[in-house]
N, C-alpha and C. Protein backbone atom coordinates (compact mmCIF):
# COMPACT_ATOMS: atom_id res chain seq x y z
N MET A 1 99.07 113.62 93.38
CA MET A 1 99.69 112.37 93.80
C MET A 1 100.10 111.61 92.53
N THR A 2 101.34 111.23 92.48
CA THR A 2 101.85 110.53 91.32
C THR A 2 101.52 109.04 91.41
N LEU A 3 101.71 108.35 90.29
CA LEU A 3 101.44 106.92 90.23
C LEU A 3 102.35 106.16 91.19
N GLN A 4 103.60 106.59 91.31
CA GLN A 4 104.55 105.93 92.21
C GLN A 4 104.09 106.05 93.66
N GLU A 5 103.56 107.20 94.04
CA GLU A 5 103.07 107.38 95.40
C GLU A 5 101.85 106.52 95.67
N LYS A 6 100.96 106.37 94.67
CA LYS A 6 99.78 105.52 94.84
C LYS A 6 100.17 104.07 95.01
N LYS A 7 101.19 103.64 94.27
CA LYS A 7 101.65 102.26 94.38
C LYS A 7 102.18 101.99 95.78
N HIS A 8 102.92 102.93 96.33
CA HIS A 8 103.45 102.77 97.68
C HIS A 8 102.32 102.75 98.71
N ASP A 9 101.25 103.52 98.46
CA ASP A 9 100.12 103.52 99.37
C ASP A 9 99.45 102.15 99.41
N VAL A 10 99.30 101.51 98.25
CA VAL A 10 98.68 100.20 98.20
C VAL A 10 99.56 99.16 98.89
N VAL A 11 100.86 99.24 98.65
CA VAL A 11 101.79 98.30 99.29
C VAL A 11 101.76 98.51 100.80
N ASN A 12 101.81 99.75 101.24
CA ASN A 12 101.78 100.04 102.68
C ASN A 12 100.48 99.54 103.30
N PHE A 13 99.36 99.70 102.61
CA PHE A 13 98.08 99.24 103.13
C PHE A 13 98.07 97.72 103.25
N SER A 14 98.59 97.02 102.23
CA SER A 14 98.65 95.55 102.27
C SER A 14 99.53 95.07 103.42
N VAL A 15 100.66 95.71 103.61
CA VAL A 15 101.57 95.34 104.69
C VAL A 15 100.93 95.64 106.04
N LEU A 16 100.25 96.76 106.16
CA LEU A 16 99.59 97.11 107.41
C LEU A 16 98.51 96.09 107.76
N ILE A 17 97.68 95.73 106.80
CA ILE A 17 96.63 94.74 107.05
C ILE A 17 97.27 93.41 107.44
N CYS A 18 98.33 93.02 106.76
CA CYS A 18 99.02 91.77 107.08
C CYS A 18 99.58 91.80 108.50
N LEU A 19 100.19 92.90 108.88
CA LEU A 19 100.73 93.02 110.24
C LEU A 19 99.62 92.94 111.29
N VAL A 20 98.49 93.57 111.02
CA VAL A 20 97.37 93.51 111.96
C VAL A 20 96.88 92.07 112.10
N LEU A 21 96.76 91.35 110.97
CA LEU A 21 96.32 89.96 111.04
C LEU A 21 97.34 89.07 111.75
N ILE A 22 98.63 89.33 111.57
CA ILE A 22 99.66 88.56 112.28
C ILE A 22 99.55 88.78 113.78
N VAL A 23 99.32 90.03 114.19
CA VAL A 23 99.17 90.33 115.62
C VAL A 23 97.93 89.62 116.16
N PHE A 24 96.82 89.68 115.42
CA PHE A 24 95.60 89.00 115.87
C PHE A 24 95.81 87.49 115.98
N LYS A 25 96.47 86.90 114.99
CA LYS A 25 96.70 85.45 115.01
C LYS A 25 97.63 85.07 116.16
N SER A 26 98.69 85.84 116.36
CA SER A 26 99.65 85.54 117.41
C SER A 26 99.05 85.73 118.80
N ALA A 27 98.18 86.71 118.94
CA ALA A 27 97.58 87.00 120.24
C ALA A 27 96.42 86.07 120.56
N GLY A 28 96.00 85.29 119.59
CA GLY A 28 94.88 84.38 119.82
C GLY A 28 93.54 85.08 119.80
N SER A 29 93.45 86.17 119.06
CA SER A 29 92.21 86.92 118.96
C SER A 29 91.13 86.11 118.24
N VAL A 30 89.90 86.45 118.50
CA VAL A 30 88.76 85.76 117.88
C VAL A 30 88.76 85.96 116.37
N ILE A 31 89.30 87.07 115.91
CA ILE A 31 89.24 87.41 114.48
C ILE A 31 90.02 86.41 113.63
N ALA A 32 91.23 86.05 114.03
CA ALA A 32 92.08 85.23 113.16
C ALA A 32 92.57 83.95 113.81
N THR A 33 91.97 83.52 114.88
CA THR A 33 92.46 82.33 115.58
C THR A 33 92.34 81.08 114.73
N ASN A 34 91.22 80.91 114.07
CA ASN A 34 90.98 79.69 113.29
C ASN A 34 91.50 79.77 111.86
N TRP A 35 92.11 80.87 111.50
CA TRP A 35 92.62 81.03 110.14
C TRP A 35 93.96 80.32 110.01
N SER A 36 94.22 79.81 108.80
CA SER A 36 95.56 79.28 108.55
C SER A 36 96.49 80.47 108.27
N TRP A 37 97.78 80.18 108.32
CA TRP A 37 98.75 81.25 108.08
C TRP A 37 98.69 81.73 106.64
N TRP A 38 98.20 80.90 105.71
CA TRP A 38 98.04 81.33 104.31
C TRP A 38 97.09 82.52 104.23
N TRP A 39 96.00 82.47 105.01
CA TRP A 39 95.04 83.57 104.97
C TRP A 39 95.53 84.78 105.75
N VAL A 40 96.35 84.56 106.74
CA VAL A 40 96.92 85.70 107.48
C VAL A 40 97.84 86.50 106.57
N PHE A 41 98.61 85.80 105.74
CA PHE A 41 99.52 86.49 104.81
C PHE A 41 98.86 86.79 103.45
N SER A 42 97.58 86.56 103.33
CA SER A 42 96.89 86.76 102.05
C SER A 42 96.95 88.19 101.50
N PRO A 43 96.93 89.25 102.32
CA PRO A 43 97.03 90.58 101.71
C PRO A 43 98.29 90.75 100.87
N ILE A 44 99.39 90.11 101.27
CA ILE A 44 100.63 90.25 100.52
C ILE A 44 100.60 89.39 99.27
N TRP A 45 100.22 88.10 99.39
CA TRP A 45 100.27 87.25 98.20
C TRP A 45 99.18 87.59 97.20
N ILE A 46 98.05 88.10 97.65
CA ILE A 46 97.02 88.54 96.70
C ILE A 46 97.52 89.76 95.92
N TYR A 47 98.13 90.71 96.62
CA TYR A 47 98.69 91.89 95.96
C TYR A 47 99.76 91.49 94.93
N LEU A 48 100.65 90.59 95.33
CA LEU A 48 101.71 90.16 94.42
C LEU A 48 101.15 89.39 93.22
N SER A 49 100.18 88.54 93.44
CA SER A 49 99.62 87.76 92.32
C SER A 49 98.86 88.67 91.35
N LEU A 50 98.16 89.68 91.86
CA LEU A 50 97.49 90.62 90.96
C LEU A 50 98.50 91.42 90.14
N ASN A 51 99.63 91.79 90.75
CA ASN A 51 100.67 92.48 90.01
C ASN A 51 101.26 91.60 88.92
N VAL A 52 101.52 90.34 89.24
CA VAL A 52 102.07 89.41 88.25
C VAL A 52 101.09 89.23 87.09
N LEU A 53 99.81 89.06 87.40
CA LEU A 53 98.81 88.93 86.33
C LEU A 53 98.72 90.18 85.47
N PHE A 54 98.81 91.34 86.10
CA PHE A 54 98.77 92.58 85.33
C PHE A 54 99.96 92.69 84.39
N TYR A 55 101.16 92.41 84.89
CA TYR A 55 102.34 92.53 84.05
C TYR A 55 102.37 91.48 82.94
N ILE A 56 101.88 90.28 83.21
CA ILE A 56 101.81 89.26 82.16
C ILE A 56 100.83 89.68 81.08
N SER A 57 99.66 90.19 81.49
CA SER A 57 98.68 90.61 80.48
C SER A 57 99.19 91.82 79.69
N ALA A 58 99.88 92.74 80.34
CA ALA A 58 100.44 93.90 79.63
C ALA A 58 101.52 93.45 78.64
N ALA A 59 102.35 92.49 79.03
CA ALA A 59 103.39 91.99 78.13
C ALA A 59 102.78 91.26 76.95
N LEU A 60 101.76 90.45 77.20
CA LEU A 60 101.10 89.74 76.10
C LEU A 60 100.43 90.72 75.14
N TYR A 61 99.82 91.76 75.68
CA TYR A 61 99.21 92.78 74.82
C TYR A 61 100.27 93.48 73.98
N LYS A 62 101.38 93.81 74.60
CA LYS A 62 102.46 94.49 73.86
C LYS A 62 103.03 93.60 72.77
N PHE A 63 103.25 92.32 73.10
CA PHE A 63 103.79 91.41 72.09
C PHE A 63 102.80 91.18 70.96
N SER A 64 101.51 91.14 71.26
CA SER A 64 100.52 90.95 70.19
C SER A 64 100.50 92.18 69.28
N LYS A 65 100.65 93.37 69.85
CA LYS A 65 100.71 94.58 69.03
C LYS A 65 101.98 94.60 68.18
N ASP A 66 103.09 94.13 68.73
CA ASP A 66 104.34 94.11 67.98
C ASP A 66 104.26 93.16 66.79
N PHE A 67 103.54 92.07 66.92
CA PHE A 67 103.41 91.14 65.82
C PHE A 67 102.47 91.66 64.74
N GLU A 68 101.55 92.55 65.10
CA GLU A 68 100.63 93.12 64.12
C GLU A 68 101.26 94.27 63.34
N GLU A 69 102.14 95.03 63.97
CA GLU A 69 102.67 96.24 63.37
C GLU A 69 103.62 96.05 62.19
N PRO A 70 104.46 95.02 62.15
CA PRO A 70 105.43 94.98 61.06
C PRO A 70 104.82 95.04 59.67
N GLN A 71 103.67 94.41 59.44
CA GLN A 71 103.05 94.47 58.12
C GLN A 71 102.67 95.90 57.78
N GLY A 72 102.14 96.62 58.75
CA GLY A 72 101.80 98.02 58.53
C GLY A 72 103.03 98.85 58.22
N ARG A 73 104.12 98.58 58.88
CA ARG A 73 105.36 99.32 58.62
C ARG A 73 105.88 99.01 57.23
N ILE A 74 105.77 97.77 56.81
CA ILE A 74 106.24 97.40 55.48
C ILE A 74 105.42 98.13 54.43
N ASP A 75 104.09 98.18 54.61
CA ASP A 75 103.24 98.88 53.65
C ASP A 75 103.56 100.37 53.61
N GLU A 76 103.78 100.99 54.77
CA GLU A 76 104.13 102.40 54.80
C GLU A 76 105.47 102.65 54.13
N ASN A 77 106.44 101.78 54.36
CA ASN A 77 107.73 101.94 53.73
C ASN A 77 107.64 101.76 52.22
N ALA A 78 106.80 100.85 51.77
CA ALA A 78 106.64 100.67 50.32
C ALA A 78 106.00 101.91 49.71
N LEU A 79 105.03 102.51 50.39
CA LEU A 79 104.42 103.72 49.87
C LEU A 79 105.43 104.87 49.83
N ASN A 80 106.21 104.99 50.88
CA ASN A 80 107.22 106.05 50.91
C ASN A 80 108.27 105.84 49.83
N LEU A 81 108.61 104.59 49.52
CA LEU A 81 109.58 104.32 48.47
C LEU A 81 109.03 104.73 47.12
N ASP A 82 107.75 104.46 46.86
CA ASP A 82 107.13 104.88 45.61
C ASP A 82 107.13 106.39 45.46
N LYS A 83 106.91 107.10 46.54
CA LYS A 83 106.90 108.55 46.49
C LYS A 83 108.28 109.11 46.26
N ARG A 84 109.30 108.44 46.79
CA ARG A 84 110.67 108.92 46.62
C ARG A 84 111.18 108.70 45.19
N LEU A 85 110.69 107.67 44.54
CA LEU A 85 111.15 107.39 43.19
C LEU A 85 110.39 108.23 42.24
């Protein structure tokens, strides 16, 4: 199973849970009658917020690595220049 297939499985599961909660809320079931609509749609917004947090943290990690690397590249280039001369 590839990573893309796993991602679709999680999305499908979140949508399925959300649809079940919408049916329970609309039908007046004991499970979700007293819940607000925010909690009925929570499987979707929790999934989306976790994705946003993951991508922000991955971007911050990447940018922090990019700011650290240039000094190392400069030192490597200086060493290579000495060897070439």
